[in-house]
Amino acid sequence: MKRIRSVPAAILAVLLLGCLVAWYVTRSSGQRGTEPAKSIASDPAVAVDSRLLQTANQMAALAETGEEQNAAREALRLADHELDKAFASALRQAASYRPPASGPLRELSGRVNQLKDQVAWDHRRVAQLAKQPSPNDADLLNLAKAQLALDQDELDDAQQDLARKGGDPHAALERARQEQEAIQNQTAQALKGASPSPTATLVDQTRTWFSLSSLDRRVLAAGQQATAQAAALARQHDQLEKQTHPRDPDAEAETIESLGLLSEQRKTLAEFDQRIQDCQELAGVYRGWGDLVQTRRRSVLHLLLGSAAEILVILLAAILANMAIRRLLHQTDSKRRQQARMIATVAVQLVAVGFILLVLFGPPNQLSTIIGLATAGLTVVLKDFIVAFLGWFTLMGKNGIRVGDWVEINGVSGEVVEIGLLKTVLLESGNWTDTGHPTGRQVAFSNSFAMEGHYFNFSTAGQWLWDELEVTLPAAGDPYGLAEEIRKLVARETEADSAQATQDWERVTSRYGARSFSAKPAVNLRPIVNGLEVVVRYITRAPQRHAVKSKLFQLIVNLLRRPAGNETAKV
C-alpha cells in the first residue's frame, strides 16, 4: 500500500527532473544572422504584381518587439521599392501601347482622340472669346463654355469605357498606384502601437507560444513568396534580354524609333535587376525575422518549462506533506487526531491549489478587484457563520430563549442546555405527547434557525400547554350530570394552575394589546357507537403533564363508580 501511495510522487519527481533539464537547455537565447540571401529569384510578369507589398503590410501588423518592427519597416521599404520599379516599367510599356488595328478598341480609341481634339479646340475657342469681350460675344462665350463642358464630360465617359475594356493601361496603373499608397499609410499606423505579448503567467506563456508558432509559419511563407518572385523576375529578365539585339557600331544610321525602343528595353532590364535585388534582400529580411521569432519561441519555451516545473514542485511538495501528515497521525485512533489530520490535509491541498492558480493566472492586478473578490468569496463561504452569529443576538433578545426553556426547533423538542455564539444545544425530550421523558440525546442546532426559520418556546408563559383526556360513558343514566361533575372535578384539581396560567398569559398579552385568554377547563359530550364520550381540555404545566393526567383519571374513575357499582366507564 505504501508503494502505491509513493508512485505519484515518483512520477512527479521524474517529470520535474525532465522539466528542469529542458529549462536548463533552453536558458540561452542566442540570435542567428540576418544577412540577405544571394540566391537568384522570382517572377515573370510585365503587369504590376503587388502581392509582395500586401504581404509586407500584413506582416507589419504582426510585429511586436523593436527588432521585429525594424524588420517589418525594412520589408515594407524593399517591397515598396520593388513595386515602384514595377510601376515604372509598366508605365513605360503603357506609354508605348498601341490599340489594335481593328475592332471595338480601335474605334473607341479613335473616338477618344477625336474628343481630345474637340476639347482642345473648345479651350482655344473659349480663350479667344474671353480675350475680346463685347456685348455681342457674351452669348457666344457662354455657349462655348457649355459646349466645352459637354465635350469634356463625353471625353471622360469615353476614357472610362476605354479603360474598363483594357484599352487605357496607363489609367489603370495610376489607380492601382493610388490604392497602394493608401495601404502604406494605414500600415505606418499599425507599427506604432505594437507591444510584445505578456509572458508573466503560464496561460500567457502558452498563448504566446502558439501565437509565435503561427507567426513563424507566416514569416516563412512570406520569405518563400519573395524568393519565388525573385526567380520569376530573373526568368523574365532573361527572356527580355534575349529579345534585345545589341547595337552594331558599323551599321548604317539607325532610325530614331529603333534607338528609342532599344533605350526603353535597356531601362526595363535595369529595373528588372533592381527588382530582383529587392526581392532577394526582402527574402533575407524575412529569414532574419524568422530567426527573431525562433529566438522568442525559445525564450517563451524556457519560461513555460519553468512554470511547469513550479507546478510540479508544488504538487510534489503537497504529496510529500500529505504523506508526512499521514505518517505522523496514523498511529492513533483519537477522533481529535483524525480531525486534525483531515484539516491539515485539506489545508495543504488548498494552499497547493492557491499557488498553482498564481502560477497559471498570476495575482490580480487591481486592489479593488482583490477586495471585491475576497469579499464575495468570504460572504459565500461564511454565509452560515454570519447568519448563525446574528441569530445569537436574536436568541438573546427579549423574545429569545434561555437555558432551561422547553422549546421546539425544526420539529425537535427538548430543554435548552446551552446557547452559544454559533449553536444551541437541546436535551431532547421527544414529542410533546411524551413531555418530561428525555431520550438521552443532545441535539445541536446552528443559530441560523432564529434568522431563517422559526421556533416554539413553551417557557415564555410558565411552560403551559393544553392537554385533554377522553372518557367513554354508558348510554344509561344521566350522562349530562356526569359530564358536569367531571368538569367540576377537573376544575377543582387544576384551579391553581389555571389561575397561574391566566396571570402569565395576561402579563404576556398585555405588552402587545391582545385579548385575554381563559384557562378554565372545557367539557364536550358527544355520542359514539356504544354510548357517550366526554372530552375534557384543561391547562397544565408541560413537565407535570403525565402526573396530572394520571391523577385526573383516578379521580374520574372513582367518581363514576361511587353512586352505582354496576355502572362502568371506559377510560
Protein backbone atom coordinates (compact mmCIF):
# COMPACT_ATOMS: atom_id res chain seq x y z
CA MET A 1 0.00 0.00 0.00
CA LYS A 2 2.87 2.35 0.82
CA ARG A 3 4.47 1.65 -2.55
CA ILE A 4 1.22 2.50 -4.34
CA ARG A 5 0.97 5.80 -2.48
CA SER A 6 4.56 6.71 -3.40
CA VAL A 7 4.03 6.13 -7.16
CA PRO A 8 2.51 9.62 -7.86
CA ALA A 9 5.39 11.26 -6.03
CA ALA A 10 7.93 9.29 -8.08
CA ILE A 11 6.18 10.18 -11.34
CA LEU A 12 6.09 13.87 -10.41
CA ALA A 13 9.76 13.73 -9.44
CA VAL A 14 10.68 12.29 -12.85
CA LEU A 15 8.58 14.91 -14.68
CA LEU A 16 10.13 17.66 -12.58
CA LEU A 17 13.63 16.43 -13.42
CA GLY A 18 12.77 16.40 -17.14
CA CYS A 19 11.35 19.94 -16.94
CA LEU A 20 14.45 21.22 -15.15
CA VAL A 21 16.73 19.66 -17.76
CA ALA A 22 14.70 21.16 -20.62
CA TRP A 23 14.59 24.50 -18.79
CA TYR A 24 18.37 24.48 -18.48
CA VAL A 25 18.86 23.56 -22.14
CA THR A 26 16.63 26.44 -23.30
CA ARG A 27 18.24 29.01 -20.98
CA SER A 28 20.31 30.65 -23.76
CA SER A 29 18.63 32.77 -26.40
CA GLY A 30 21.31 33.41 -29.00
CA GLN A 31 20.41 35.19 -32.21
CA ARG A 32 21.21 34.00 -35.67
CA GLY A 33 22.36 36.22 -38.51
CA THR A 34 20.02 38.18 -40.70
CA GLU A 35 22.22 38.78 -43.75
CA PRO A 36 20.29 38.80 -47.01
CA ALA A 37 20.36 35.79 -49.30
CA LYS A 38 22.39 35.83 -52.51
CA SER A 39 20.33 33.35 -54.49
CA ILE A 40 18.70 34.31 -57.77
CA ALA A 41 14.95 34.52 -57.63
CA SER A 42 11.44 35.24 -58.99
CA ASP A 43 8.50 36.20 -61.23
CA PRO A 44 7.77 36.98 -64.86
CA ALA A 45 5.03 39.47 -65.47
CA VAL A 46 5.13 42.86 -67.10
CA ALA A 47 1.82 43.55 -65.37
CA VAL A 48 2.23 45.01 -61.86
CA ASP A 49 2.15 42.39 -59.10
CA SER A 50 1.59 43.99 -55.67
CA ARG A 51 1.47 40.80 -53.61
CA LEU A 52 4.85 41.43 -52.01
CA LEU A 53 3.73 44.79 -50.64
CA GLN A 54 0.42 43.37 -49.48
CA THR A 55 2.23 40.59 -47.63
CA ALA A 56 4.64 43.11 -46.08
CA ASN A 57 1.67 45.18 -44.90
CA GLN A 58 0.04 42.12 -43.31
CA MET A 59 3.28 41.05 -41.62
CA ALA A 60 3.92 44.57 -40.29
CA ALA A 61 0.71 44.35 -38.27
CA LEU A 62 2.12 41.23 -36.51
CA ALA A 63 5.47 42.75 -35.48
CA GLU A 64 5.67 43.17 -31.69
CA THR A 65 9.22 43.69 -30.47
CA GLY A 66 11.50 46.51 -31.57
CA GLU A 67 13.68 44.16 -33.65
CA GLU A 68 10.63 42.74 -35.41
CA GLN A 69 9.30 46.22 -36.15
CA ASN A 70 12.65 47.19 -37.65
CA ALA A 71 12.47 44.10 -39.85
CA ALA A 72 8.90 44.98 -40.81
CA ARG A 73 9.94 48.52 -41.82
CA GLU A 74 12.78 47.16 -43.93
CA ALA A 75 10.42 44.68 -45.59
CA LEU A 76 7.97 47.48 -46.35
CA ARG A 77 10.74 49.64 -47.83
CA LEU A 78 12.03 46.87 -50.07
CA ALA A 79 8.55 45.78 -51.18
CA ASP A 80 7.60 49.38 -51.90
CA HIS A 81 10.79 49.98 -53.89
CA GLU A 82 10.22 46.81 -55.90
CA LEU A 83 6.66 47.91 -56.62
CA ASP A 84 7.83 51.38 -57.68
CA LYS A 85 10.16 49.84 -60.25
CA ALA A 86 7.37 47.55 -61.42
CA PHE A 87 5.10 50.55 -61.91
CA ALA A 88 7.86 52.41 -63.77
CA SER A 89 8.28 49.52 -66.18
CA ALA A 90 4.55 49.10 -66.60
CA LEU A 91 4.01 52.81 -67.20
CA ARG A 92 6.80 52.84 -69.84
CA GLN A 93 5.14 49.96 -71.65
CA ALA A 94 1.73 51.60 -71.28
CA ALA A 95 3.08 54.75 -72.93
CA SER A 96 4.10 52.71 -76.00
CA TYR A 97 0.78 50.90 -76.10
CA ARG A 98 -0.98 50.97 -79.47
CA PRO A 99 -4.58 49.91 -79.91
CA PRO A 100 -5.32 47.04 -82.30
CA ALA A 101 -5.66 47.81 -86.00
CA SER A 102 -9.36 46.96 -85.99
CA GLY A 103 -12.18 46.09 -83.63
CA PRO A 104 -14.08 47.87 -80.80
CA LEU A 105 -10.95 49.08 -79.03
CA ARG A 106 -9.67 50.68 -82.25
CA GLU A 107 -12.95 52.53 -82.73
CA LEU A 108 -13.16 53.56 -79.08
CA SER A 109 -9.57 54.79 -79.12
CA GLY A 110 -10.24 56.81 -82.28
CA ARG A 111 -13.30 58.35 -80.64
CA VAL A 112 -11.23 59.34 -77.59
CA ASN A 113 -8.64 61.02 -79.84
CA GLN A 114 -11.37 62.91 -81.69
CA LEU A 115 -12.90 64.08 -78.42
CA LYS A 116 -9.50 65.20 -77.18
CA ASP A 117 -9.06 67.29 -80.32
CA GLN A 118 -12.57 68.68 -79.91
CA VAL A 119 -11.95 69.61 -76.27
CA ALA A 120 -8.67 71.30 -77.24
CA TRP A 121 -10.46 73.32 -79.94
CA ASP A 122 -13.19 74.25 -77.37
CA HIS A 123 -10.50 75.53 -74.98
CA ARG A 124 -8.98 77.69 -77.71
CA ARG A 125 -12.42 78.98 -78.69
CA VAL A 126 -13.27 79.97 -75.12
CA ALA A 127 -9.89 81.64 -74.67
CA GLN A 128 -10.31 83.59 -77.90
CA LEU A 129 -13.79 84.85 -76.96
CA ALA A 130 -12.60 85.74 -73.47
CA LYS A 131 -9.78 87.93 -74.84
CA GLN A 132 -12.18 90.03 -76.95
CA PRO A 133 -15.17 90.68 -74.68
CA SER A 134 -18.06 92.51 -76.32
CA PRO A 135 -21.80 92.71 -75.70
CA ASN A 136 -22.45 90.76 -78.89
CA ASP A 137 -19.95 87.97 -77.97
CA ALA A 138 -21.31 87.32 -74.39
CA ASP A 139 -23.84 84.82 -75.57
CA LEU A 140 -21.23 83.16 -77.80
CA LEU A 141 -18.83 82.86 -74.82
CA ASN A 142 -21.45 81.20 -72.63
CA LEU A 143 -22.37 78.88 -75.47
CA ALA A 144 -18.70 77.98 -75.99
CA LYS A 145 -18.25 77.20 -72.25
CA ALA A 146 -21.33 74.98 -72.27
CA GLN A 147 -20.05 73.16 -75.35
CA LEU A 148 -16.66 72.71 -73.63
CA ALA A 149 -18.29 71.20 -70.54
CA LEU A 150 -20.39 68.85 -72.65
CA ASP A 151 -17.40 67.68 -74.72
CA GLN A 152 -15.30 67.22 -71.58
CA ASP A 153 -17.96 65.01 -69.98
CA GLU A 154 -18.22 62.98 -73.15
CA LEU A 155 -14.42 62.60 -73.24
CA ASP A 156 -14.35 61.43 -69.59
CA ASP A 157 -17.05 58.84 -70.32
CA ALA A 158 -15.22 57.58 -73.40
CA GLN A 159 -11.95 57.33 -71.47
CA GLN A 160 -13.68 55.36 -68.71
CA ASP A 161 -15.13 53.00 -71.29
CA LEU A 162 -11.72 52.58 -72.89
CA ALA A 163 -10.03 51.90 -69.53
CA ARG A 164 -12.76 49.46 -68.48
CA LYS A 165 -12.24 47.45 -71.68
CA GLY A 166 -8.45 47.42 -71.30
CA GLY A 167 -7.63 49.98 -73.91
CA ASP A 168 -6.01 52.51 -71.48
CA PRO A 169 -3.43 50.69 -69.31
CA HIS A 170 -1.90 53.98 -68.15
CA ALA A 171 -5.10 55.00 -66.29
CA ALA A 172 -5.45 51.55 -64.70
CA LEU A 173 -1.86 51.75 -63.45
CA GLU A 174 -2.42 55.17 -61.93
CA ARG A 175 -5.45 53.92 -59.99
CA ALA A 176 -3.52 50.91 -58.72
CA ARG A 177 -0.70 53.20 -57.62
CA GLN A 178 -3.08 55.37 -55.59
CA GLU A 179 -4.56 52.32 -53.88
CA GLN A 180 -1.11 51.07 -52.85
CA GLU A 181 -0.19 54.46 -51.38
CA ALA A 182 -3.37 54.41 -49.26
CA ILE A 183 -2.48 50.94 -47.92
CA GLN A 184 1.04 52.10 -46.99
CA ASN A 185 -0.36 54.98 -44.92
CA GLN A 186 -2.52 52.56 -42.92
CA THR A 187 0.43 50.24 -42.26
CA ALA A 188 2.53 53.04 -40.76
CA GLN A 189 -0.09 53.48 -38.02
CA ALA A 190 -0.11 49.75 -37.21
CA LEU A 191 3.62 49.76 -36.42
CA LYS A 192 3.32 52.47 -33.75
CA GLY A 193 1.05 50.70 -31.25
CA ALA A 194 2.53 47.18 -31.28
CA SER A 195 3.84 45.71 -28.00
CA PRO A 196 5.16 42.26 -27.00
CA SER A 197 2.67 39.71 -25.72
CA PRO A 198 2.70 39.21 -21.91
CA THR A 199 4.54 36.13 -20.59
CA ALA A 200 4.18 36.52 -16.82
CA THR A 201 1.85 33.54 -16.25
CA LEU A 202 1.59 30.04 -17.63
CA VAL A 203 -1.60 30.94 -19.51
CA ASP A 204 0.12 33.94 -21.13
CA GLN A 205 3.16 31.84 -21.99
CA THR A 206 1.05 29.13 -23.63
CA ARG A 207 -0.93 31.69 -25.62
CA THR A 208 2.27 33.45 -26.74
CA TRP A 209 3.87 30.13 -27.72
CA PHE A 210 1.03 29.25 -30.10
CA SER A 211 0.94 32.82 -31.43
CA LEU A 212 4.66 32.71 -32.22
CA SER A 213 4.24 29.34 -33.91
CA SER A 214 1.64 30.85 -36.23
CA LEU A 215 3.83 33.93 -36.84
CA ASP A 216 6.82 31.71 -37.69
CA ARG A 217 4.79 29.92 -40.37
CA ARG A 218 3.63 33.21 -41.87
CA VAL A 219 7.14 34.66 -41.92
CA LEU A 220 8.41 31.51 -43.64
CA ALA A 221 5.62 31.76 -46.25
CA ALA A 222 6.44 35.44 -46.86
CA GLY A 223 10.11 34.62 -47.40
CA GLN A 224 9.22 31.86 -49.85
CA GLN A 225 6.97 34.30 -51.72
CA ALA A 226 9.81 36.82 -52.05
CA THR A 227 12.17 34.08 -53.25
CA ALA A 228 9.64 32.90 -55.84
CA GLN A 229 9.14 36.48 -57.04
CA ALA A 230 12.89 36.94 -57.48
CA ALA A 231 13.13 33.74 -59.52
CA ALA A 232 10.21 34.76 -61.75
CA LEU A 233 11.71 38.20 -62.35
CA ALA A 234 15.04 36.60 -63.26
CA ARG A 235 13.36 34.42 -65.87
CA GLN A 236 11.54 37.41 -67.31
CA HIS A 237 14.80 39.39 -67.38
CA ASP A 238 16.49 36.61 -69.33
CA GLN A 239 13.63 36.43 -71.83
CA LEU A 240 13.67 40.19 -72.43
CA GLU A 241 17.47 40.19 -72.77
CA LYS A 242 17.29 37.54 -75.50
CA GLN A 243 14.81 39.72 -77.42
CA THR A 244 17.12 42.76 -77.20
CA HIS A 245 19.70 42.85 -80.01
CA PRO A 246 22.95 44.67 -79.31
CA ARG A 247 23.68 47.75 -81.38
CA ASP A 248 26.05 47.30 -84.30
CA PRO A 249 28.53 50.21 -84.44
CA ASP A 250 29.34 49.52 -88.13
CA ALA A 251 25.67 49.54 -89.20
CA GLU A 252 24.20 52.46 -91.01
CA ALA A 253 22.48 55.18 -89.13
CA GLU A 254 19.60 53.76 -87.18
CA THR A 255 16.22 55.34 -87.05
CA ILE A 256 15.15 57.41 -84.05
CA GLU A 257 12.34 55.00 -83.36
CA SER A 258 14.58 51.95 -83.16
CA LEU A 259 17.02 53.74 -80.88
CA GLY A 260 14.18 54.84 -78.60
CA LEU A 261 12.85 51.28 -78.42
CA LEU A 262 16.31 49.96 -77.58
CA SER A 263 16.69 52.58 -74.84
CA GLU A 264 13.36 51.60 -73.29
CA GLN A 265 14.37 47.94 -73.26
CA ARG A 266 17.67 48.76 -71.54
CA LYS A 267 15.83 50.74 -68.85
CA THR A 268 13.42 47.88 -68.33
CA LEU A 269 16.28 45.41 -67.94
CA ALA A 270 17.93 47.69 -65.36
CA GLU A 271 14.66 47.91 -63.46
CA PHE A 272 14.36 44.12 -63.53
CA ASP A 273 17.83 43.87 -61.99
CA GLN A 274 16.84 46.26 -59.21
CA ARG A 275 13.58 44.41 -58.58
CA ILE A 276 15.42 41.07 -58.38
CA GLN A 277 17.84 42.53 -55.87
CA ASP A 278 14.95 43.95 -53.81
CA CYS A 279 13.23 40.56 -53.74
CA GLN A 280 16.43 38.81 -52.68
CA GLU A 281 17.02 41.31 -49.89
CA LEU A 282 13.37 41.01 -48.88
CA ALA A 283 13.73 37.22 -48.59
CA GLY A 284 16.79 37.81 -46.40
CA VAL A 285 14.84 40.20 -44.18
CA TYR A 286 12.14 37.57 -43.68
CA ARG A 287 14.78 34.99 -42.81
CA GLY A 288 16.16 37.34 -40.19
CA TRP A 289 12.65 37.97 -38.92
CA GLY A 290 12.17 34.20 -38.68
CA ASP A 291 15.35 33.99 -36.59
CA LEU A 292 13.92 36.62 -34.23
CA VAL A 293 10.67 34.66 -33.90
CA GLN A 294 12.62 31.46 -33.21
CA THR A 295 14.58 33.26 -30.52
CA ARG A 296 11.38 34.48 -28.90
CA ARG A 297 9.89 30.99 -29.10
CA ARG A 298 12.95 29.62 -27.35
CA SER A 299 12.64 32.23 -24.61
CA VAL A 300 8.92 31.58 -24.15
CA LEU A 301 9.57 27.82 -24.08
CA HIS A 302 12.15 28.43 -21.36
CA LEU A 303 9.59 30.37 -19.31
CA LEU A 304 6.88 27.78 -19.98
CA LEU A 305 9.11 24.95 -18.77
CA GLY A 306 9.96 26.97 -15.68
CA SER A 307 6.28 27.47 -14.89
CA ALA A 308 5.59 23.77 -15.44
CA ALA A 309 8.46 22.94 -13.09
CA GLU A 310 6.98 25.27 -10.46
CA ILE A 311 3.63 23.46 -10.68
CA LEU A 312 5.34 20.09 -10.38
CA VAL A 313 7.28 21.33 -7.35
CA ILE A 314 4.04 22.46 -5.73
CA LEU A 315 2.32 19.13 -6.44
CA LEU A 316 5.31 17.15 -5.21
CA ALA A 317 5.53 19.23 -2.03
CA ALA A 318 1.79 18.74 -1.42
CA ILE A 319 2.08 14.96 -1.84
CA LEU A 320 5.10 14.78 0.47
CA ALA A 321 3.34 16.96 3.05
CA ASN A 322 0.26 14.70 2.95
CA MET A 323 2.46 11.65 3.35
CA ALA A 324 4.19 13.24 6.34
CA ILE A 325 0.86 14.17 7.94
CA ARG A 326 -0.49 10.66 7.39
CA ARG A 327 2.64 9.10 8.92
CA LEU A 328 2.64 11.38 11.97
CA LEU A 329 -1.04 10.85 12.82
CA HIS A 330 -1.76 7.32 11.67
CA GLN A 331 -0.78 5.60 14.94
CA THR A 332 -3.69 6.90 16.97
CA ASP A 333 -7.44 6.43 16.62
CA SER A 334 -8.33 9.54 18.54
CA LYS A 335 -11.17 11.41 16.91
CA ARG A 336 -9.42 14.71 17.52
CA ARG A 337 -6.26 13.42 15.85
CA GLN A 338 -8.28 12.22 12.88
CA GLN A 339 -9.95 15.59 12.60
CA ALA A 340 -6.56 17.32 12.83
CA ARG A 341 -5.20 15.06 10.08
CA MET A 342 -8.17 15.81 7.83
CA ILE A 343 -7.94 19.55 8.46
CA ALA A 344 -4.19 19.56 7.82
CA THR A 345 -4.61 17.58 4.59
CA VAL A 346 -7.32 19.91 3.30
CA ALA A 347 -5.25 22.95 4.27
CA VAL A 348 -2.22 21.62 2.36
CA GLN A 349 -4.38 20.94 -0.70
CA LEU A 350 -5.94 24.40 -0.59
CA VAL A 351 -2.54 26.06 -0.30
CA ALA A 352 -1.25 23.98 -3.22
CA VAL A 353 -4.26 24.92 -5.36
CA GLY A 354 -3.74 28.59 -4.48
CA PHE A 355 -0.08 28.53 -5.53
CA ILE A 356 -0.93 26.68 -8.76
CA LEU A 357 -3.56 29.29 -9.60
CA LEU A 358 -0.97 32.01 -9.04
CA VAL A 359 1.38 30.27 -11.48
CA LEU A 360 -1.43 29.81 -14.02
CA PHE A 361 -3.10 33.22 -13.87
CA GLY A 362 -0.90 35.39 -11.65
CA PRO A 363 -2.07 37.67 -8.84
CA PRO A 364 -4.91 40.14 -9.52
CA ASN A 365 -3.57 43.50 -10.65
CA GLN A 366 -6.19 45.83 -9.19
CA LEU A 367 -6.70 46.33 -5.45
CA SER A 368 -10.42 46.95 -5.90
CA THR A 369 -10.70 43.65 -7.78
CA ILE A 370 -8.88 41.81 -4.99
CA ILE A 371 -11.09 43.34 -2.31
CA GLY A 372 -14.25 42.63 -4.30
CA LEU A 373 -13.32 39.01 -4.98
CA ALA A 374 -12.23 38.45 -1.38
CA THR A 375 -15.42 39.98 -0.02
CA ALA A 376 -17.62 37.97 -2.35
CA GLY A 377 -15.74 34.76 -1.54
CA LEU A 378 -15.90 35.33 2.21
CA THR A 379 -19.59 36.17 2.00
CA VAL A 380 -20.33 32.92 0.19
CA VAL A 381 -18.05 30.76 2.35
CA LEU A 382 -19.01 32.34 5.68
CA LYS A 383 -22.71 32.82 4.98
CA ASP A 384 -23.82 30.22 7.53
CA PHE A 385 -21.32 31.53 10.08
CA ILE A 386 -22.58 35.12 9.68
CA VAL A 387 -26.25 34.15 9.85
CA ALA A 388 -25.60 31.93 12.92
CA PHE A 389 -23.74 34.73 14.67
CA LEU A 390 -26.56 37.21 14.02
CA GLY A 391 -29.06 34.56 15.16
CA TRP A 392 -27.34 34.50 18.57
CA PHE A 393 -28.26 38.16 19.11
CA THR A 394 -31.88 37.33 18.23
CA LEU A 395 -31.98 34.41 20.68
CA MET A 396 -30.51 36.56 23.44
CA GLY A 397 -33.12 39.27 22.86
CA LYS A 398 -36.40 39.92 24.63
CA ASN A 399 -38.29 37.26 22.70
CA GLY A 400 -35.46 34.76 22.60
CA ILE A 401 -34.82 31.65 24.66
CA ARG A 402 -32.93 30.89 27.86
CA VAL A 403 -31.19 27.88 29.34
CA GLY A 404 -33.85 25.63 30.90
CA ASP A 405 -36.63 26.66 28.49
CA TRP A 406 -38.73 23.97 26.82
CA VAL A 407 -38.63 24.65 23.11
CA GLU A 408 -39.30 23.04 19.76
CA ILE A 409 -36.78 23.72 16.95
CA ASN A 410 -37.22 22.22 13.48
CA GLY A 411 -39.55 19.55 14.88
CA VAL A 412 -37.22 18.56 17.74
CA SER A 413 -38.42 19.28 21.29
CA GLY A 414 -36.44 19.46 24.48
CA GLU A 415 -34.87 21.51 27.21
CA VAL A 416 -32.28 24.16 26.34
CA VAL A 417 -28.93 23.28 27.93
CA GLU A 418 -26.57 25.60 26.02
CA ILE A 419 -26.83 28.79 23.93
CA GLY A 420 -23.54 29.51 22.20
CA LEU A 421 -22.42 32.14 19.70
CA LEU A 422 -22.99 29.76 16.78
CA LYS A 423 -25.14 26.89 18.05
CA THR A 424 -27.89 25.98 20.50
CA VAL A 425 -27.95 22.59 22.27
CA LEU A 426 -31.13 20.82 23.43
CA LEU A 427 -31.63 17.81 25.70
CA GLU A 428 -34.17 16.01 23.53
CA SER A 429 -37.48 15.07 25.19
CA GLY A 430 -39.29 13.54 22.25
CA ASN A 431 -42.65 14.86 21.02
CA TRP A 432 -44.80 16.98 23.27
CA THR A 433 -47.05 13.99 23.75
CA ASP A 434 -44.14 12.48 25.70
CA THR A 435 -43.06 15.63 27.53
CA GLY A 436 -40.93 15.00 30.58
CA HIS A 437 -39.31 11.83 29.23
CA PRO A 438 -35.83 12.72 27.91
CA THR A 439 -34.37 10.49 25.20
CA GLY A 440 -30.82 10.98 26.47
CA ARG A 441 -29.67 12.64 23.21
CA GLN A 442 -28.18 16.10 22.83
CA VAL A 443 -29.22 17.88 19.66
CA ALA A 444 -27.20 20.88 18.37
CA PHE A 445 -28.68 23.47 16.00
CA SER A 446 -26.95 26.29 14.17
CA ASN A 447 -28.32 29.60 15.41
CA SER A 448 -29.31 30.41 11.82
CA PHE A 449 -32.77 28.97 12.61
CA ALA A 450 -33.50 32.14 14.57
CA MET A 451 -32.97 34.20 11.37
CA GLU A 452 -34.17 31.90 8.59
CA GLY A 453 -36.74 29.65 10.30
CA HIS A 454 -38.95 29.62 13.40
CA TYR A 455 -39.04 28.02 16.83
CA PHE A 456 -41.59 27.43 19.62
CA ASN A 457 -40.83 28.40 23.21
CA PHE A 458 -43.13 26.88 25.77
CA SER A 459 -41.43 28.69 28.62
CA THR A 460 -42.25 32.31 27.90
CA ALA A 461 -45.51 31.99 29.97
CA GLY A 462 -44.68 29.29 32.53
CA GLN A 463 -44.38 26.25 30.25
CA TRP A 464 -48.15 25.95 29.98
CA LEU A 465 -49.92 23.75 27.49
CA TRP A 466 -53.41 22.46 26.89
CA ASP A 467 -53.95 18.76 27.47
CA GLU A 468 -57.07 16.64 27.18
CA LEU A 469 -58.48 13.32 28.30
CA GLU A 470 -61.35 11.23 26.96
CA VAL A 471 -63.85 9.14 29.00
CA THR A 472 -66.48 6.85 27.46
CA LEU A 473 -69.79 6.68 29.44
CA PRO A 474 -72.59 4.13 29.06
CA ALA A 475 -75.81 5.37 27.50
CA ALA A 476 -77.80 4.52 30.68
CA GLY A 477 -78.03 7.05 33.47
CA ASP A 478 -77.62 10.80 33.34
CA PRO A 479 -74.61 11.50 31.10
CA TYR A 480 -75.02 15.26 31.28
CA GLY A 481 -74.86 15.19 35.06
CA LEU A 482 -71.76 13.02 34.95
CA ALA A 483 -70.16 15.35 32.43
CA GLU A 484 -70.82 18.34 34.66
CA GLU A 485 -69.42 16.55 37.69
CA ILE A 486 -66.29 15.62 35.73
CA ARG A 487 -65.86 19.27 34.67
CA LYS A 488 -66.13 20.44 38.29
CA LEU A 489 -63.66 17.78 39.40
CA VAL A 490 -61.11 18.80 36.77
CA ALA A 491 -61.66 22.49 37.52
CA ARG A 492 -61.08 21.89 41.22
CA GLU A 493 -57.89 19.92 40.67
CA THR A 494 -56.44 22.37 38.10
CA GLU A 495 -57.67 25.57 39.75
CA ALA A 496 -54.24 26.66 40.91
CA ASP A 497 -52.64 26.00 37.53
CA SER A 498 -55.48 27.79 35.71
CA ALA A 499 -55.12 30.89 37.86
CA GLN A 500 -51.34 30.99 37.44
CA ALA A 501 -51.58 30.40 33.67
CA THR A 502 -54.13 33.20 33.34
CA GLN A 503 -51.78 35.60 35.13
CA ASP A 504 -48.81 34.59 33.00
CA TRP A 505 -50.73 34.95 29.75
CA GLU A 506 -52.14 38.30 30.77
CA ARG A 507 -48.66 39.53 31.52
CA VAL A 508 -47.53 38.44 28.02
CA THR A 509 -50.57 39.60 26.05
CA SER A 510 -50.75 42.98 27.75
CA ARG A 511 -47.48 44.02 26.08
CA TYR A 512 -48.97 43.51 22.62
CA GLY A 513 -52.54 44.65 23.30
CA ALA A 514 -54.00 41.19 22.61
CA ARG A 515 -57.21 39.93 24.22
CA SER A 516 -57.09 37.92 27.45
CA PHE A 517 -57.26 34.13 27.47
CA SER A 518 -59.31 31.90 29.75
CA ALA A 519 -57.55 28.93 31.36
CA LYS A 520 -60.71 27.24 32.70
CA PRO A 521 -61.33 23.61 31.69
CA ALA A 522 -63.89 22.80 28.98
CA VAL A 523 -66.03 19.64 28.58
CA ASN A 524 -67.57 18.32 25.38
CA LEU A 525 -70.10 15.47 25.29
CA ARG A 526 -70.53 13.62 22.01
CA PRO A 527 -72.27 10.37 21.06
CA ILE A 528 -70.39 7.28 19.89
CA VAL A 529 -71.49 3.75 18.90
CA ASN A 530 -71.59 2.21 22.38
CA GLY A 531 -72.55 5.23 24.44
CA LEU A 532 -71.33 8.75 25.02
CA GLU A 533 -67.86 10.20 25.14
CA VAL A 534 -66.69 13.01 27.40
CA VAL A 535 -63.70 15.09 26.20
CA VAL A 536 -62.11 17.34 28.82
CA ARG A 537 -59.49 20.01 27.93
CA TYR A 538 -57.51 21.63 30.75
CA ILE A 539 -54.35 23.63 31.32
CA THR A 540 -51.23 22.14 32.91
CA ARG A 541 -47.51 22.58 33.06
CA ALA A 542 -45.57 20.70 30.42
CA PRO A 543 -43.18 18.84 32.74
CA GLN A 544 -46.09 17.76 35.02
CA ARG A 545 -48.47 16.71 32.27
CA HIS A 546 -48.36 12.93 32.86
CA ALA A 547 -48.70 13.20 36.64
CA VAL A 548 -51.72 15.50 36.36
CA LYS A 549 -53.43 13.29 33.78
CA SER A 550 -52.92 10.13 35.88
CA LYS A 551 -54.39 11.80 38.95
CA LEU A 552 -57.41 13.06 37.00
CA PHE A 553 -58.09 9.61 35.53
CA GLN A 554 -58.04 8.10 39.02
CA LEU A 555 -60.48 10.68 40.38
CA ILE A 556 -62.86 10.32 37.42
CA VAL A 557 -62.96 6.53 37.76
CA ASN A 558 -63.78 6.85 41.47
CA LEU A 559 -66.49 9.37 40.60
CA LEU A 560 -68.10 7.06 38.09
CA ARG A 561 -68.14 4.08 40.45
CA ARG A 562 -69.39 5.89 43.54
CA PRO A 563 -73.19 6.12 43.15
CA ALA A 564 -73.84 2.82 41.34
CA GLY A 565 -71.43 -0.02 41.39
CA ASN A 566 -72.95 -1.60 38.32
CA GLU A 567 -72.09 1.45 36.15
CA THR A 568 -68.73 1.20 34.48
CA ALA A 569 -66.86 3.63 32.40
CA LYS A 570 -64.21 3.13 29.74
CA VAL A 571 -61.28 5.39 30.32
